[in-house]
C-alpha atoms as a PDB file:
ATOM      1  CA  UNK A   1     121.867  -9.395 -21.374  1.00  0.00           C
ATOM      2  CA  UNK A   2     124.665 -11.949 -21.774  1.00  0.00           C
ATOM      3  CA  UNK A   3     127.992 -10.308 -22.646  1.00  0.00           C
ATOM      4  CA  UNK A   4     130.404 -11.868 -25.117  1.00  0.00           C
ATOM      5  CA  UNK A   5     134.043 -10.778 -25.171  1.00  0.00           C
ATOM      6  CA  UNK A   6     136.266 -11.522 -28.163  1.00  0.00           C
ATOM      7  CA  UNK A   7     139.835 -12.082 -26.961  1.00  0.00           C
ATOM      8  CA  UNK A   8     141.392 -11.038 -30.259  1.00  0.00           C
ATOM      9  CA  UNK A   9     142.554  -7.880 -31.988  1.00  0.00           C
ATOM     10  CA  UNK A  10     141.726  -9.326 -35.419  1.00  0.00           C
ATOM     11  CA  UNK A  11     139.568  -6.884 -37.426  1.00  0.00           C
ATOM     12  CA  UNK A  12     138.370  -9.812 -39.543  1.00  0.00           C
ATOM     13  CA  UNK A  13     136.995 -11.676 -36.520  1.00  0.00           C
ATOM     14  CA  UNK A  14     135.162  -8.701 -35.068  1.00  0.00           C
ATOM     15  CA  UNK A  15     133.792  -7.831 -38.525  1.00  0.00           C
ATOM     16  CA  UNK A  16     132.580 -11.390 -38.950  1.00  0.00           C
ATOM     17  CA  UNK A  17     130.770 -11.333 -35.598  1.00  0.00           C
ATOM     18  CA  UNK A  18     129.270  -7.925 -36.360  1.00  0.00           C
ATOM     19  CA  UNK A  19     127.990  -9.019 -39.763  1.00  0.00           C
ATOM     20  CA  UNK A  20     126.521 -12.144 -38.131  1.00  0.00           C
ATOM     21  CA  UNK A  21     124.560  -9.830 -35.840  1.00  0.00           C
ATOM     22  CA  UNK A  22     126.373 -10.957 -32.697  1.00  0.00           C
ATOM     23  CA  UNK A  23     126.819  -8.385 -29.940  1.00  0.00           C
ATOM     24  CA  UNK A  24     130.344  -8.470 -28.520  1.00  0.00           C
ATOM     25  CA  UNK A  25     133.135  -6.502 -26.930  1.00  0.00           C
ATOM     26  CA  UNK A  26     136.844  -6.738 -27.755  1.00  0.00           C
ATOM     27  CA  UNK A  27     139.481  -7.251 -25.099  1.00  0.00           C
ATOM     28  CA  UNK A  28     142.939  -8.176 -26.377  1.00  0.00           C
ATOM     29  CA  UNK A  29     145.173 -10.589 -24.489  1.00  0.00           C
ATOM     30  CA  UNK A  30     148.904 -10.081 -24.059  1.00  0.00           C
ATOM     31  CA  UNK A  31     149.730 -13.745 -24.639  1.00  0.00           C
ATOM     32  CA  UNK A  32     153.231 -14.450 -25.933  1.00  0.00           C
ATOM     33  CA  UNK A  33     152.453 -17.104 -28.556  1.00  0.00           C
ATOM     34  CA  UNK A  34     156.062 -18.217 -28.950  1.00  0.00           C
ATOM     35  CA  UNK A  35     156.428 -18.667 -25.189  1.00  0.00           C
ATOM     36  CA  UNK A  36     153.235 -20.712 -24.983  1.00  0.00           C
ATOM     37  CA  UNK A  37     154.360 -23.024 -27.774  1.00  0.00           C
ATOM     38  CA  UNK A  38     157.830 -23.356 -26.264  1.00  0.00           C
ATOM     39  CA  UNK A  39     156.309 -24.305 -22.919  1.00  0.00           C
ATOM     40  CA  UNK A  40     154.082 -27.066 -24.273  1.00  0.00           C
ATOM     41  CA  UNK A  41     156.131 -28.113 -27.263  1.00  0.00           C
ATOM     42  CA  UNK A  42     153.081 -28.516 -29.494  1.00  0.00           C
ATOM     43  CA  UNK A  43     154.001 -28.914 -33.162  1.00  0.00           C
ATOM     44  CA  UNK A  44     150.785 -30.281 -34.686  1.00  0.00           C
ATOM     45  CA  UNK A  45     148.916 -27.430 -36.410  1.00  0.00           C
ATOM     46  CA  UNK A  46     145.492 -28.570 -35.164  1.00  0.00           C
ATOM     47  CA  UNK A  47     146.625 -28.790 -31.523  1.00  0.00           C
ATOM     48  CA  UNK A  48     148.633 -25.568 -31.701  1.00  0.00           C
ATOM     49  CA  UNK A  49     145.569 -23.628 -32.872  1.00  0.00           C
ATOM     50  CA  UNK A  50     143.532 -24.945 -29.936  1.00  0.00           C
ATOM     51  CA  UNK A  51     146.336 -24.372 -27.426  1.00  0.00           C
ATOM     52  CA  UNK A  52     146.803 -20.735 -28.423  1.00  0.00           C
ATOM     53  CA  UNK A  53     143.057 -20.085 -28.516  1.00  0.00           C
ATOM     54  CA  UNK A  54     142.806 -21.419 -24.965  1.00  0.00           C
ATOM     55  CA  UNK A  55     145.763 -19.346 -23.771  1.00  0.00           C
ATOM     56  CA  UNK A  56     144.200 -16.166 -25.157  1.00  0.00           C
ATOM     57  CA  UNK A  57     140.733 -16.892 -23.762  1.00  0.00           C
ATOM     58  CA  UNK A  58     142.031 -17.761 -20.297  1.00  0.00           C
ATOM     59  CA  UNK A  59     144.293 -14.693 -20.178  1.00  0.00           C
ATOM     60  CA  UNK A  60     141.359 -12.389 -20.900  1.00  0.00           C
ATOM     61  CA  UNK A  61     139.011 -14.358 -18.640  1.00  0.00           C
ATOM     62  CA  UNK A  62     141.394 -13.655 -15.746  1.00  0.00           C
ATOM     63  CA  UNK A  63     140.940  -9.887 -16.154  1.00  0.00           C
ATOM     64  CA  UNK A  64     138.409  -8.090 -13.930  1.00  0.00           C
ATOM     65  CA  UNK A  65     136.731  -6.623 -17.019  1.00  0.00           C
ATOM     66  CA  UNK A  66     135.577 -10.135 -17.941  1.00  0.00           C
ATOM     67  CA  UNK A  67     133.576 -10.745 -14.773  1.00  0.00           C
ATOM     68  CA  UNK A  68     130.038 -11.746 -15.684  1.00  0.00           C
ATOM     69  CA  UNK A  69     130.830 -12.349 -19.357  1.00  0.00           C
ATOM     70  CA  UNK A  70     131.575 -15.155 -21.783  1.00  0.00           C
ATOM     71  CA  UNK A  71     135.042 -14.995 -23.366  1.00  0.00           C
ATOM     72  CA  UNK A  72     135.880 -16.494 -26.761  1.00  0.00           C
ATOM     73  CA  UNK A  73     139.509 -16.825 -27.834  1.00  0.00           C
ATOM     74  CA  UNK A  74     140.604 -17.855 -31.335  1.00  0.00           C
ATOM     75  CA  UNK A  75     143.802 -18.656 -33.158  1.00  0.00           C
ATOM     76  CA  UNK A  76     144.496 -19.854 -36.693  1.00  0.00           C
ATOM     77  CA  UNK A  77     147.357 -22.034 -37.924  1.00  0.00           C
ATOM     78  CA  UNK A  78     147.902 -23.064 -41.545  1.00  0.00           C
ATOM     79  CA  UNK A  79     149.069 -26.614 -42.233  1.00  0.00           C
ATOM     80  CA  UNK A  80     151.014 -27.007 -45.478  1.00  0.00           C
ATOM     81  CA  UNK A  81     153.223 -29.907 -46.531  1.00  0.00           C
ATOM     82  CA  UNK A  82     153.138 -31.213 -42.978  1.00  0.00           C
ATOM     83  CA  UNK A  83     154.379 -27.914 -41.535  1.00  0.00           C
ATOM     84  CA  UNK A  84     152.612 -25.434 -39.254  1.00  0.00           C
ATOM     85  CA  UNK A  85     152.541 -21.861 -40.553  1.00  0.00           C
ATOM     86  CA  UNK A  86     151.516 -18.899 -38.447  1.00  0.00           C
ATOM     87  CA  UNK A  87     151.932 -15.262 -39.449  1.00  0.00           C
ATOM     88  CA  UNK A  88     154.954 -14.704 -41.742  1.00  0.00           C
ATOM     89  CA  UNK A  89     155.666 -11.141 -40.478  1.00  0.00           C
ATOM     90  CA  UNK A  90     158.328 -10.517 -43.156  1.00  0.00           C
ATOM     91  CA  UNK A  91     158.032 -10.160 -46.938  1.00  0.00           C
ATOM     92  CA  UNK A  92     160.725 -12.770 -47.578  1.00  0.00           C
ATOM     93  CA  UNK A  93     158.953 -15.447 -45.545  1.00  0.00           C
ATOM     94  CA  UNK A  94     155.581 -14.612 -47.121  1.00  0.00           C
ATOM     95  CA  UNK A  95     157.022 -14.763 -50.632  1.00  0.00           C
ATOM     96  CA  UNK A  96     158.704 -18.125 -50.070  1.00  0.00           C
ATOM     97  CA  UNK A  97     155.485 -19.593 -48.691  1.00  0.00           C
ATOM     98  CA  UNK A  98     153.255 -18.226 -51.433  1.00  0.00           C
ATOM     99  CA  UNK A  99     155.509 -19.522 -54.191  1.00  0.00           C
ATOM    100  CA  UNK A 100     155.141 -23.000 -52.676  1.00  0.00           C
ATOM    101  CA  UNK A 101     151.383 -22.619 -52.126  1.00  0.00           C
ATOM    102  CA  UNK A 102     150.692 -21.541 -55.713  1.00  0.00           C
ATOM    103  CA  UNK A 103     148.484 -24.130 -57.411  1.00  0.00           C
ATOM    104  CA  UNK A 104     148.465 -26.305 -54.306  1.00  0.00           C
ATOM    105  CA  UNK A 105     146.360 -26.651 -51.156  1.00  0.00           C
ATOM    106  CA  UNK A 106     146.647 -26.711 -47.383  1.00  0.00           C
ATOM    107  CA  UNK A 107     144.460 -26.849 -44.295  1.00  0.00           C
ATOM    108  CA  UNK A 108     143.589 -23.827 -42.191  1.00  0.00           C
ATOM    109  CA  UNK A 109     142.885 -24.803 -38.572  1.00  0.00           C
ATOM    110  CA  UNK A 110     141.098 -22.286 -36.356  1.00  0.00           C
ATOM    111  CA  UNK A 111     140.995 -23.064 -32.659  1.00  0.00           C
ATOM    112  CA  UNK A 112     138.203 -21.716 -30.460  1.00  0.00           C
ATOM    113  CA  UNK A 113     138.067 -21.635 -26.662  1.00  0.00           C
ATOM    114  CA  UNK A 114     135.121 -20.411 -24.601  1.00  0.00           C
ATOM    115  CA  UNK A 115     135.282 -19.508 -20.904  1.00  0.00           C
ATOM    116  CA  UNK A 116     132.135 -18.773 -18.888  1.00  0.00           C
ATOM    117  CA  UNK A 117     133.061 -16.043 -16.392  1.00  0.00           C
ATOM    118  CA  UNK A 118     129.566 -15.629 -14.995  1.00  0.00           C
ATOM    119  CA  UNK A 119     128.938 -16.513 -11.357  1.00  0.00           C
ATOM    120  CA  UNK A 120     127.835 -20.071 -10.738  1.00  0.00           C
ATOM    121  CA  UNK A 121     125.497 -21.213  -7.980  1.00  0.00           C
ATOM    122  CA  UNK A 122     128.492 -22.457  -5.992  1.00  0.00           C
ATOM    123  CA  UNK A 123     130.100 -19.012  -6.121  1.00  0.00           C
ATOM    124  CA  UNK A 124     126.991 -17.030  -5.295  1.00  0.00           C
ATOM    125  CA  UNK A 125     126.643 -15.552  -1.836  1.00  0.00           C
ATOM    126  CA  UNK A 126     123.409 -14.740  -0.011  1.00  0.00           C
ATOM    127  CA  UNK A 127     123.187 -11.273  -1.563  1.00  0.00           C
ATOM    128  CA  UNK A 128     123.442 -12.743  -5.057  1.00  0.00           C
ATOM    129  CA  UNK A 129     120.711 -15.233  -4.263  1.00  0.00           C
ATOM    130  CA  UNK A 130     118.331 -12.397  -3.483  1.00  0.00           C
ATOM    131  CA  UNK A 131     118.703 -11.131  -7.056  1.00  0.00           C
ATOM    132  CA  UNK A 132     117.939 -14.377  -8.809  1.00  0.00           C
ATOM    133  CA  UNK A 133     119.659 -17.642  -9.680  1.00  0.00           C
ATOM    134  CA  UNK A 134     123.185 -17.247 -11.090  1.00  0.00           C
ATOM    135  CA  UNK A 135     123.446 -18.215 -14.747  1.00  0.00           C
ATOM    136  CA  UNK A 136     127.099 -19.228 -14.915  1.00  0.00           C
ATOM    137  CA  UNK A 137     128.038 -22.802 -15.791  1.00  0.00           C
ATOM    138  CA  UNK A 138     131.786 -22.642 -15.197  1.00  0.00           C
ATOM    139  CA  UNK A 139     132.235 -24.021 -18.711  1.00  0.00           C
ATOM    140  CA  UNK A 140     135.683 -23.867 -20.273  1.00  0.00           C
ATOM    141  CA  UNK A 141     135.528 -25.692 -23.586  1.00  0.00           C
ATOM    142  CA  UNK A 142     137.168 -25.638 -26.973  1.00  0.00           C
ATOM    143  CA  UNK A 143     136.976 -26.965 -30.512  1.00  0.00           C
ATOM    144  CA  UNK A 144     138.829 -26.665 -33.793  1.00  0.00           C
ATOM    145  CA  UNK A 145     137.220 -25.906 -37.144  1.00  0.00           C
ATOM    146  CA  UNK A 146     139.321 -26.798 -40.184  1.00  0.00           C
ATOM    147  CA  UNK A 147     138.969 -26.174 -43.894  1.00  0.00           C
ATOM    148  CA  UNK A 148     141.041 -27.187 -46.895  1.00  0.00           C
ATOM    149  CA  UNK A 149     142.056 -24.185 -48.981  1.00  0.00           C
ATOM    150  CA  UNK A 150     142.872 -24.610 -52.672  1.00  0.00           C
ATOM    151  CA  UNK A 151     145.032 -21.910 -54.267  1.00  0.00           C
ATOM    152  CA  UNK A 152     145.108 -20.767 -57.875  1.00  0.00           C
ATOM    153  CA  UNK A 153     148.349 -20.520 -59.803  1.00  0.00           C
ATOM    154  CA  UNK A 154     150.033 -17.245 -58.821  1.00  0.00           C
ATOM    155  CA  UNK A 155     152.807 -15.613 -60.789  1.00  0.00           C
ATOM    156  CA  UNK A 156     155.673 -13.776 -59.121  1.00  0.00           C
ATOM    157  CA  UNK A 157     154.368 -10.335 -60.053  1.00  0.00           C
ATOM    158  CA  UNK A 158     151.037 -11.076 -58.401  1.00  0.00           C
ATOM    159  CA  UNK A 159     152.733 -12.408 -55.293  1.00  0.00           C
ATOM    160  CA  UNK A 160     155.020  -9.390 -55.015  1.00  0.00           C
ATOM    161  CA  UNK A 161     152.113  -6.987 -55.530  1.00  0.00           C
ATOM    162  CA  UNK A 162     150.060  -8.776 -52.857  1.00  0.00           C
ATOM    163  CA  UNK A 163     152.909  -8.729 -50.361  1.00  0.00           C
ATOM    164  CA  UNK A 164     153.476  -5.024 -51.069  1.00  0.00           C
ATOM    165  CA  UNK A 165     149.977  -4.303 -49.731  1.00  0.00           C
ATOM    166  CA  UNK A 166     151.070  -5.651 -46.342  1.00  0.00           C
ATOM    167  CA  UNK A 167     147.906  -7.739 -46.000  1.00  0.00           C
ATOM    168  CA  UNK A 168     149.467 -11.218 -45.892  1.00  0.00           C
ATOM    169  CA  UNK A 169     152.204 -10.387 -43.387  1.00  0.00           C
ATOM    170  CA  UNK A 170     149.950 -10.648 -40.347  1.00  0.00           C
ATOM    171  CA  UNK A 171     147.703 -13.514 -41.445  1.00  0.00           C
ATOM    172  CA  UNK A 172     148.142 -17.202 -40.678  1.00  0.00           C
ATOM    173  CA  UNK A 173     149.460 -18.868 -43.809  1.00  0.00           C
ATOM    174  CA  UNK A 174     150.164 -15.523 -45.534  1.00  0.00           C
ATOM    175  CA  UNK A 175     146.697 -15.109 -47.037  1.00  0.00           C
ATOM    176  CA  UNK A 176     143.150 -13.944 -46.400  1.00  0.00           C
ATOM    177  CA  UNK A 177     139.902 -15.046 -47.984  1.00  0.00           C
ATOM    178  CA  UNK A 178     137.890 -11.954 -47.070  1.00  0.00           C
ATOM    179  CA  UNK A 179     140.361  -9.426 -48.458  1.00  0.00           C
ATOM    180  CA  UNK A 180     142.694  -9.035 -51.430  1.00  0.00           C
ATOM    181  CA  UNK A 181     143.927 -12.608 -51.017  1.00  0.00           C
ATOM    182  CA  UNK A 182     140.510 -13.949 -51.978  1.00  0.00           C
ATOM    183  CA  UNK A 183     141.495 -13.479 -55.624  1.00  0.00           C
ATOM    184  CA  UNK A 184     143.995 -16.334 -55.296  1.00  0.00           C
ATOM    185  CA  UNK A 185     141.718 -18.919 -53.643  1.00  0.00           C
ATOM    186  CA  UNK A 186     139.943 -21.321 -56.039  1.00  0.00           C
ATOM    187  CA  UNK A 187     137.777 -23.087 -53.489  1.00  0.00           C
ATOM    188  CA  UNK A 188     137.387 -24.028 -49.845  1.00  0.00           C
ATOM    189  CA  UNK A 189     136.353 -27.461 -48.606  1.00  0.00           C
ATOM    190  CA  UNK A 190     134.887 -26.904 -45.156  1.00  0.00           C
ATOM    191  CA  UNK A 191     133.604 -23.973 -43.136  1.00  0.00           C
ATOM    192  CA  UNK A 192     134.689 -20.755 -44.919  1.00  0.00           C
ATOM    193  CA  UNK A 193     134.268 -18.831 -41.659  1.00  0.00           C
ATOM    194  CA  UNK A 194     137.078 -20.943 -40.212  1.00  0.00           C
ATOM    195  CA  UNK A 195     139.350 -19.511 -42.911  1.00  0.00           C
ATOM    196  CA  UNK A 196     138.379 -15.984 -41.872  1.00  0.00           C
ATOM    197  CA  UNK A 197     139.355 -16.875 -38.308  1.00  0.00           C
ATOM    198  CA  UNK A 198     136.169 -17.669 -36.373  1.00  0.00           C
ATOM    199  CA  UNK A 199     133.555 -20.295 -37.150  1.00  0.00           C
ATOM    200  CA  UNK A 200     130.092 -19.016 -36.225  1.00  0.00           C
ATOM    201  CA  UNK A 201     128.691 -22.553 -36.143  1.00  0.00           C
ATOM    202  CA  UNK A 202     131.501 -23.674 -33.823  1.00  0.00           C
ATOM    203  CA  UNK A 203     130.816 -20.685 -31.582  1.00  0.00           C
ATOM    204  CA  UNK A 204     127.165 -21.739 -31.460  1.00  0.00           C
ATOM    205  CA  UNK A 205     128.173 -25.242 -30.360  1.00  0.00           C
ATOM    206  CA  UNK A 206     130.460 -23.924 -27.618  1.00  0.00           C
ATOM    207  CA  UNK A 207     127.800 -21.516 -26.355  1.00  0.00           C
ATOM    208  CA  UNK A 208     125.549 -24.528 -25.949  1.00  0.00           C
ATOM    209  CA  UNK A 209     127.914 -25.847 -23.258  1.00  0.00           C
ATOM    210  CA  UNK A 210     127.267 -22.609 -21.356  1.00  0.00           C
ATOM    211  CA  UNK A 211     123.505 -22.934 -21.872  1.00  0.00           C
ATOM    212  CA  UNK A 212     123.440 -19.786 -24.011  1.00  0.00           C
ATOM    213  CA  UNK A 213     121.527 -19.877 -27.319  1.00  0.00           C
ATOM    214  CA  UNK A 214     123.385 -17.873 -29.942  1.00  0.00           C
ATOM    215  CA  UNK A 215     120.126 -16.037 -30.582  1.00  0.00           C
ATOM    216  CA  UNK A 216     120.548 -14.419 -27.144  1.00  0.00           C
ATOM    217  CA  UNK A 217     123.588 -12.608 -28.536  1.00  0.00           C
ATOM    218  CA  UNK A 218     121.920 -11.248 -31.638  1.00  0.00           C
ATOM    219  CA  UNK A 219     121.784  -7.491 -31.791  1.00  0.00           C
ATOM    220  CA  UNK A 220     118.369  -6.060 -30.974  1.00  0.00           C
ATOM    221  CA  UNK A 221     117.820  -4.929 -34.563  1.00  0.00           C
ATOM    222  CA  UNK A 222     118.387  -8.453 -35.860  1.00  0.00           C
ATOM    223  CA  UNK A 223     116.380 -10.356 -33.262  1.00  0.00           C
END
C-alpha cells in the first residue's frame, strides 16, 4: 500500500485528511520558517506559502523514515491589505490584526508540496527488480490553493474572548474556520479546505503527478 506522510504538526490538517478517509502518517519537520524566508527574501504571500510548504516537505523527505513514501508539506499565509500574515503568536498582535480584519476580507493562501520518495526504475538494483517494477516517479511538485475570506463585524469583547481561548495565536491570519473562529467568518470564496490548511482537491492533483490515484489512499473501510 502507498504510504502518505503529512509533514505538519497541525491537528486541523491531520483531522481533515482523516475525515476525508485518507490514510496517512505524521512526521513533523524542524524547518525554521524565519530562516527560510530570510534566505530567499520572499515577501509575496502566495510565493511564501509555497516556499515554506516545499521546505517542510523536502526536510521530511530527507529523513530515513520517509523512504518508500509520498510526503506532503503544507503552509498557510494570510494576505491582508497587501501584507503577509503568518501566526501572530502573541495576544497583542492577534488583537491588532483582528480589529483591522473586522468587517473586511483577505486571502488565505495554502501552499502544498509533494515529494515522491519511492524508488524509481533508475534507482532500483537487481534485487529490487526481482520483486517487481519500482513505482516511484521522482516527482517533486507543488501548488497553491487560495480562498478569499470575508469576516463579520467583530466587537472588542468578542475579539478579546476569542484571543483568550488561545486558538488564534497559532493560526495563519489569527483565525480558524473549523473551530471557534468560524463564528466570525461570513463566507469563503474558493476552496474552504484551503482555509483549514490543506486542499484535498489540490492534493489529488499533485498525487496525479506521482501516478497515484487518491482512491489508493482511502482507508479500507471507506474504499
